Amino acid sequence: MKNTHIQSEATLDTITGSPSKLLSLLIDIKYLLKGKVLVANVLPVFTSYWLALYFTSESFIDNWGLFLLTMIGSTLVISGALILNNWYEVDLDKKMVRTQKRPTVTGNFSLKSVLWSGIITSIIGLVMMFFTTFEAALYSFLGWFFYVVLYTFWSKRRYTWNTIIGSVSGAFTPLIGWAAITQANHIVPIVMFCILFIWQIPHTLAITLKRLEDYTRAGVPMLPVVYGVPVTIRQNLIYIVTLLPLPFFLIVSLGWFFTIFAIALTIGWIILAIKGPRAKDLKKWAQANLRYSLIYLILLSFVMILLTSPIMNS
């Protein structure tokens, strides 16, 4: 009876343990891929792909295969870049509270396996993108190169303007989606590039202000670490203000509703940013800015898609 009881417990552990291990693996992958960062980069690819279909009068159904190639390929390229970033920055991540759950820090994934995962994922993604268009593949590679080589390997540990280089990387995403359908020499993807480039700077500054102790402890030369909080708050406001005129360039393409909506969103962010110097709780204010930046990107993308959907144009 005793042996039977032990065997029953072992069987139960096996049954209940497998989902637990699977869940743990999925959580590790989520932290390795920086889940929110991945989504924030893939969303503009989808948005610009959708817009390119609209402006070229192409059917989504007729381009379903191309859509899958573009989305899977670009997601793999972005994922590969993020994995390589985690592999290279493991020494910094060990010093920061916000990165303690990454599998490179916990040891759940070996650094060798992470390195090879990043390389293989990047290569597969780029090969897939070459089956879309050369231009889309080129933008995918440039985004990867800026993030992995120029940002992660070169500038992040040396210069405060590493944020600007990282922002260039993310700004290529709308060009990728658009170029999969047609050449990205249209005002819409160009303005989207500019919006994404500028948007990422206050988005990143909000993270650094929220986690200032982490970056200081790790010795990463982010703007508030080197030049202080007041300078960072001013820079944050300046970059948000520079978003203000960009929607005007899309009046002809997307109409007055989008322009007014985008300007209103930006004004709301400016009002929040102005409160920075008088904020009693810096972390709370930085968190509010971070949350607003994500809402800003999601709503802007959603309205772009909605205004160019068949329902709105039937």
Protein backbone atom coordinates (compact mmCIF):
# COMPACT_ATOMS: atom_id res chain seq x y z
CA MET A 1 0.00 0.00 0.00
CA LYS A 2 2.86 2.36 0.87
CA ASN A 3 4.56 1.83 -2.51
CA THR A 4 1.24 2.31 -4.29
CA HIS A 5 0.72 5.58 -2.43
CA ILE A 6 4.20 6.80 -3.40
CA GLN A 7 3.63 5.82 -7.02
CA SER A 8 0.28 7.66 -7.00
CA GLU A 9 1.95 10.82 -5.69
CA ALA A 10 4.69 10.53 -8.32
CA THR A 11 2.09 10.13 -11.04
CA LEU A 12 0.18 13.14 -9.72
CA ASP A 13 3.38 15.20 -9.62
CA THR A 14 4.11 14.23 -13.21
CA ILE A 15 0.64 15.22 -14.36
CA THR A 16 0.50 18.49 -12.45
CA GLY A 17 4.20 19.25 -12.87
CA SER A 18 4.23 19.32 -16.67
CA PRO A 19 1.87 22.29 -17.00
CA SER A 20 3.86 24.03 -14.28
CA LYS A 21 7.12 23.49 -16.17
CA LEU A 22 5.52 24.57 -19.42
CA LEU A 23 4.17 27.73 -17.78
CA SER A 24 7.59 28.44 -16.29
CA LEU A 25 9.18 28.02 -19.73
CA LEU A 26 6.66 30.37 -21.34
CA ILE A 27 7.28 32.97 -18.63
CA ASP A 28 11.04 32.70 -19.20
CA ILE A 29 10.54 33.17 -22.95
CA LYS A 30 8.33 36.19 -22.27
CA TYR A 31 11.06 37.82 -20.18
CA LEU A 32 13.74 36.85 -22.71
CA LEU A 33 11.77 38.49 -25.52
CA LYS A 34 10.79 41.48 -23.35
CA GLY A 35 7.10 40.85 -24.12
CA LYS A 36 5.85 44.46 -24.12
CA VAL A 37 8.84 45.66 -26.16
CA LEU A 38 8.21 42.96 -28.76
CA VAL A 39 4.52 43.89 -29.07
CA ALA A 40 5.33 47.61 -29.29
CA ASN A 41 7.64 46.88 -32.23
CA VAL A 42 5.41 44.41 -34.07
CA LEU A 43 2.31 46.64 -33.86
CA PRO A 44 3.70 49.34 -36.21
CA VAL A 45 4.67 46.62 -38.71
CA PHE A 46 1.07 45.42 -38.83
CA THR A 47 -0.32 48.97 -38.93
CA SER A 48 1.86 50.08 -41.82
CA TYR A 49 1.19 46.85 -43.73
CA TRP A 50 -2.55 47.48 -43.36
CA LEU A 51 -2.17 51.11 -44.48
CA ALA A 52 -0.06 50.12 -47.48
CA LEU A 53 -2.81 47.76 -48.63
CA TYR A 54 -5.32 50.60 -48.36
CA PHE A 55 -3.25 53.17 -50.25
CA THR A 56 -2.38 50.72 -53.04
CA SER A 57 -5.98 49.42 -53.25
CA GLU A 58 -4.75 45.88 -52.58
CA SER A 59 -6.89 43.20 -50.97
CA PHE A 60 -5.88 41.75 -47.61
CA ILE A 61 -7.21 38.32 -48.65
CA ASP A 62 -5.14 38.34 -51.84
CA ASN A 63 -2.02 39.14 -49.80
CA TRP A 64 -2.65 36.74 -46.91
CA GLY A 65 0.51 34.70 -47.56
CA LEU A 66 2.63 37.83 -47.79
CA PHE A 67 1.07 39.05 -44.54
CA LEU A 68 2.11 35.87 -42.72
CA LEU A 69 5.65 36.08 -44.11
CA THR A 70 5.94 39.73 -43.12
CA MET A 71 4.57 39.36 -39.61
CA ILE A 72 6.36 36.12 -38.74
CA GLY A 73 9.61 37.21 -40.38
CA SER A 74 9.69 40.66 -38.76
CA THR A 75 8.70 39.21 -35.38
CA LEU A 76 11.58 36.75 -35.57
CA VAL A 77 14.07 39.47 -36.54
CA ILE A 78 12.92 41.68 -33.66
CA SER A 79 12.93 38.69 -31.29
CA GLY A 80 16.45 37.76 -32.36
CA ALA A 81 17.66 41.30 -31.64
CA LEU A 82 16.04 41.29 -28.20
CA ILE A 83 17.51 37.87 -27.36
CA LEU A 84 21.01 39.02 -28.32
CA ASN A 85 20.50 42.14 -26.22
CA ASN A 86 19.68 39.95 -23.21
CA TRP A 87 22.70 37.75 -23.86
CA TYR A 88 25.12 40.67 -24.05
CA GLU A 89 23.71 42.64 -21.11
CA VAL A 90 23.50 39.81 -18.57
CA ASP A 91 26.12 41.49 -16.36
CA LEU A 92 24.05 44.69 -16.26
CA ASP A 93 20.78 42.81 -15.74
CA LYS A 94 22.19 41.09 -12.64
CA LYS A 95 22.59 44.52 -11.00
CA MET A 96 19.08 45.76 -11.82
CA VAL A 97 15.88 44.93 -9.95
CA ARG A 98 13.69 45.25 -13.07
CA THR A 99 15.59 42.49 -14.90
CA GLN A 100 15.97 39.89 -12.15
CA LYS A 101 13.38 37.56 -13.70
CA ARG A 102 15.11 37.26 -17.05
CA PRO A 103 16.26 33.66 -17.63
CA THR A 104 19.80 34.86 -18.36
CA VAL A 105 19.90 36.20 -14.80
CA THR A 106 18.11 33.32 -13.07
CA GLY A 107 20.21 30.79 -14.97
CA ASN A 108 17.15 29.00 -16.36
CA PHE A 109 18.66 29.40 -19.85
CA SER A 110 22.38 28.99 -20.45
CA LEU A 111 24.13 31.95 -22.07
CA LYS A 112 25.33 29.71 -24.90
CA SER A 113 21.80 28.60 -25.72
CA VAL A 114 20.57 32.21 -25.57
CA LEU A 115 23.34 33.36 -27.91
CA TRP A 116 22.59 30.68 -30.48
CA SER A 117 18.85 31.26 -30.14
CA GLY A 118 19.38 34.94 -30.92
CA ILE A 119 21.59 34.21 -33.93
CA ILE A 120 19.35 31.49 -35.41
CA THR A 121 16.14 33.45 -34.81
CA SER A 122 17.63 36.54 -36.47
CA ILE A 123 18.83 34.58 -39.51
CA ILE A 124 15.51 32.75 -40.00
CA GLY A 125 13.62 36.03 -39.69
CA LEU A 126 15.82 37.83 -42.21
CA VAL A 127 15.60 34.93 -44.69
CA MET A 128 11.80 35.03 -44.41
CA MET A 129 11.81 38.77 -45.01
CA PHE A 130 13.79 38.26 -48.24
CA PHE A 131 10.79 36.31 -49.51
CA THR A 132 8.67 39.47 -49.17
CA THR A 133 10.60 42.30 -50.85
CA PHE A 134 14.25 43.32 -50.82
CA GLU A 135 13.31 46.73 -49.38
CA ALA A 136 11.40 45.20 -46.47
CA ALA A 137 14.31 42.83 -45.80
CA LEU A 138 16.74 45.78 -45.89
CA TYR A 139 14.73 47.76 -43.34
CA SER A 140 14.51 44.64 -41.15
CA PHE A 141 18.27 44.25 -41.25
CA LEU A 142 18.88 47.95 -40.57
CA GLY A 143 16.57 47.85 -37.56
CA TRP A 144 18.38 44.75 -36.28
CA PHE A 145 21.81 46.29 -36.94
CA PHE A 146 21.01 49.56 -35.18
CA TYR A 147 19.64 47.73 -32.13
CA VAL A 148 22.18 44.93 -31.78
CA VAL A 149 25.42 46.44 -33.06
CA LEU A 150 25.10 50.22 -32.70
CA TYR A 151 22.91 50.28 -29.58
CA THR A 152 23.60 47.11 -27.58
CA PHE A 153 27.24 46.40 -28.43
CA TRP A 154 28.56 49.93 -28.99
CA SER A 155 26.70 52.89 -27.51
CA LYS A 156 24.64 51.79 -24.50
CA ARG A 157 27.57 51.46 -22.11
CA ARG A 158 29.36 54.55 -23.43
CA TYR A 159 27.04 57.43 -24.34
CA THR A 160 23.85 59.08 -23.09
CA TRP A 161 22.62 59.33 -26.67
CA ASN A 162 22.36 55.54 -26.82
CA THR A 163 18.61 56.20 -26.47
CA ILE A 164 18.55 58.04 -29.79
CA ILE A 165 20.31 55.18 -31.58
CA GLY A 166 17.89 52.67 -30.05
CA SER A 167 15.01 54.85 -31.21
CA VAL A 168 16.26 54.78 -34.81
CA SER A 169 16.11 50.99 -34.65
CA GLY A 170 12.45 50.91 -33.59
CA ALA A 171 11.51 53.56 -36.14
CA PHE A 172 12.25 51.17 -39.01
CA THR A 173 9.24 49.01 -38.10
CA PRO A 174 6.59 50.96 -40.08
CA LEU A 175 8.91 50.99 -43.10
CA ILE A 176 9.12 47.19 -42.92
CA GLY A 177 5.36 46.64 -43.07
CA TRP A 178 4.81 49.20 -45.82
CA ALA A 179 7.74 48.03 -47.98
CA ALA A 180 6.38 44.47 -47.98
CA ILE A 181 3.55 45.81 -50.18
CA THR A 182 5.15 48.69 -52.07
CA GLN A 183 8.06 51.15 -51.92
CA ALA A 184 8.15 53.15 -48.69
CA ASN A 185 8.64 56.51 -50.41
CA HIS A 186 5.14 57.60 -49.35
CA ILE A 187 4.40 60.36 -46.83
CA VAL A 188 2.55 57.98 -44.48
CA PRO A 189 5.42 55.55 -43.67
CA ILE A 190 7.90 58.44 -43.58
CA VAL A 191 5.81 60.34 -40.99
CA MET A 192 5.25 57.08 -39.08
CA PHE A 193 9.04 56.62 -39.00
CA CYS A 194 9.41 60.12 -37.53
CA ILE A 195 6.65 59.55 -34.96
CA LEU A 196 8.12 56.22 -33.84
CA PHE A 197 11.62 57.70 -33.62
CA ILE A 198 10.54 60.63 -31.44
CA TRP A 199 8.00 58.59 -29.43
CA GLN A 200 10.59 56.11 -28.22
CA ILE A 201 12.78 58.77 -26.60
CA PRO A 202 10.31 60.02 -23.94
CA HIS A 203 9.07 56.43 -23.62
CA THR A 204 12.61 55.32 -22.73
CA LEU A 205 13.28 58.36 -20.54
CA ALA A 206 10.18 57.45 -18.51
CA ILE A 207 11.64 53.98 -17.93
CA THR A 208 15.01 55.37 -16.88
CA LEU A 209 13.42 57.86 -14.46
CA LYS A 210 11.24 55.15 -12.98
CA ARG A 211 14.22 52.82 -12.56
CA LEU A 212 16.89 55.44 -11.90
CA GLU A 213 18.42 53.51 -8.99
CA ASP A 214 18.79 50.45 -11.21
CA TYR A 215 20.61 52.29 -13.98
CA THR A 216 22.81 54.12 -11.48
CA ARG A 217 23.74 50.86 -9.75
CA ALA A 218 24.53 49.18 -13.07
CA GLY A 219 26.55 52.18 -14.27
CA VAL A 220 24.60 52.62 -17.50
CA PRO A 221 25.13 56.20 -18.79
CA MET A 222 21.47 57.06 -19.30
CA LEU A 223 20.53 60.75 -19.38
CA PRO A 224 19.30 61.10 -15.75
CA VAL A 225 22.31 59.15 -14.45
CA VAL A 226 24.84 61.45 -16.13
CA TYR A 227 23.06 64.83 -16.29
CA GLY A 228 20.45 64.53 -13.56
CA VAL A 229 16.66 64.39 -13.26
CA PRO A 230 15.82 68.08 -14.04
CA VAL A 231 17.64 67.93 -17.39
CA THR A 232 15.91 64.65 -18.25
CA ILE A 233 12.47 66.06 -17.43
CA ARG A 234 13.12 69.05 -19.71
CA GLN A 235 14.38 66.82 -22.51
CA ASN A 236 11.33 64.60 -22.07
CA LEU A 237 9.02 67.59 -22.61
CA ILE A 238 10.96 68.86 -25.63
CA TYR A 239 10.72 65.54 -27.46
CA ILE A 240 6.99 65.21 -26.76
CA VAL A 241 6.39 68.75 -28.06
CA THR A 242 8.22 67.86 -31.30
CA LEU A 243 5.50 65.25 -31.95
CA LEU A 244 2.92 68.03 -32.20
CA PRO A 245 3.37 69.13 -35.87
CA LEU A 246 3.79 65.65 -37.38
CA PRO A 247 0.05 64.78 -37.75
CA PHE A 248 -0.42 67.84 -39.99
CA PHE A 249 1.61 66.05 -42.67
CA LEU A 250 -1.06 63.34 -42.75
CA ILE A 251 -4.12 65.57 -43.28
CA VAL A 252 -4.36 64.70 -46.98
CA SER A 253 -3.73 60.99 -46.46
CA LEU A 254 -5.69 60.25 -43.27
CA GLY A 255 -7.96 63.26 -42.92
CA TRP A 256 -8.75 65.88 -40.30
CA PHE A 257 -10.17 63.45 -37.74
CA PHE A 258 -6.88 61.61 -37.41
CA THR A 259 -4.92 64.88 -37.31
CA ILE A 260 -7.08 66.37 -34.55
CA PHE A 261 -7.11 63.09 -32.61
CA ALA A 262 -3.30 62.75 -32.79
CA ILE A 263 -2.77 66.37 -31.76
CA ALA A 264 -5.17 65.95 -28.83
CA LEU A 265 -3.26 62.84 -27.71
CA THR A 266 0.01 64.75 -27.91
CA ILE A 267 -1.39 67.73 -25.97
CA GLY A 268 -2.52 65.35 -23.24
CA TRP A 269 1.01 63.96 -23.04
CA ILE A 270 2.48 67.50 -22.97
CA ILE A 271 0.24 68.42 -20.04
CA LEU A 272 1.43 65.33 -18.18
CA ALA A 273 5.08 66.10 -19.01
CA ILE A 274 4.76 69.71 -17.77
CA LYS A 275 3.89 68.37 -14.32
CA GLY A 276 7.32 66.72 -14.08
CA PRO A 277 9.30 69.49 -12.32
CA ARG A 278 6.58 69.79 -9.62
CA ALA A 279 5.97 66.05 -9.21
CA LYS A 280 6.15 65.02 -5.55
CA ASP A 281 6.63 61.38 -6.47
CA LEU A 282 9.07 61.04 -9.40
CA LYS A 283 8.49 57.31 -9.86
CA LYS A 284 4.73 57.71 -9.93
CA TRP A 285 4.99 60.51 -12.48
CA ALA A 286 7.43 58.48 -14.60
CA GLN A 287 5.08 55.49 -14.47
CA ALA A 288 2.19 57.70 -15.62
CA ASN A 289 4.33 58.90 -18.56
CA LEU A 290 5.32 55.35 -19.43
CA ARG A 291 1.70 54.19 -19.37
CA TYR A 292 0.59 57.19 -21.44
CA SER A 293 3.28 56.53 -24.05
CA LEU A 294 1.99 52.99 -24.57
CA ILE A 295 -1.63 54.16 -24.75
CA TYR A 296 -0.53 56.84 -27.23
CA LEU A 297 1.05 54.28 -29.56
CA ILE A 298 -1.85 51.82 -29.32
CA LEU A 299 -4.56 54.44 -29.91
CA LEU A 300 -2.68 56.07 -32.77
CA SER A 301 -2.28 52.69 -34.49
CA PHE A 302 -5.88 51.71 -33.80
CA VAL A 303 -7.29 54.92 -35.31
CA MET A 304 -5.05 54.58 -38.38
CA ILE A 305 -6.33 51.04 -38.94
CA LEU A 306 -9.95 52.00 -38.23
CA LEU A 307 -9.96 54.94 -40.65
CA THR A 308 -8.62 52.76 -43.47
CA SER A 309 -10.81 49.74 -42.78
CA PRO A 310 -13.41 48.56 -45.34
CA ILE A 311 -16.20 49.32 -42.85
CA MET A 312 -15.27 53.01 -42.68
CA ASN A 313 -14.80 53.28 -46.42
CA SER A 314 -17.75 51.26 -47.71
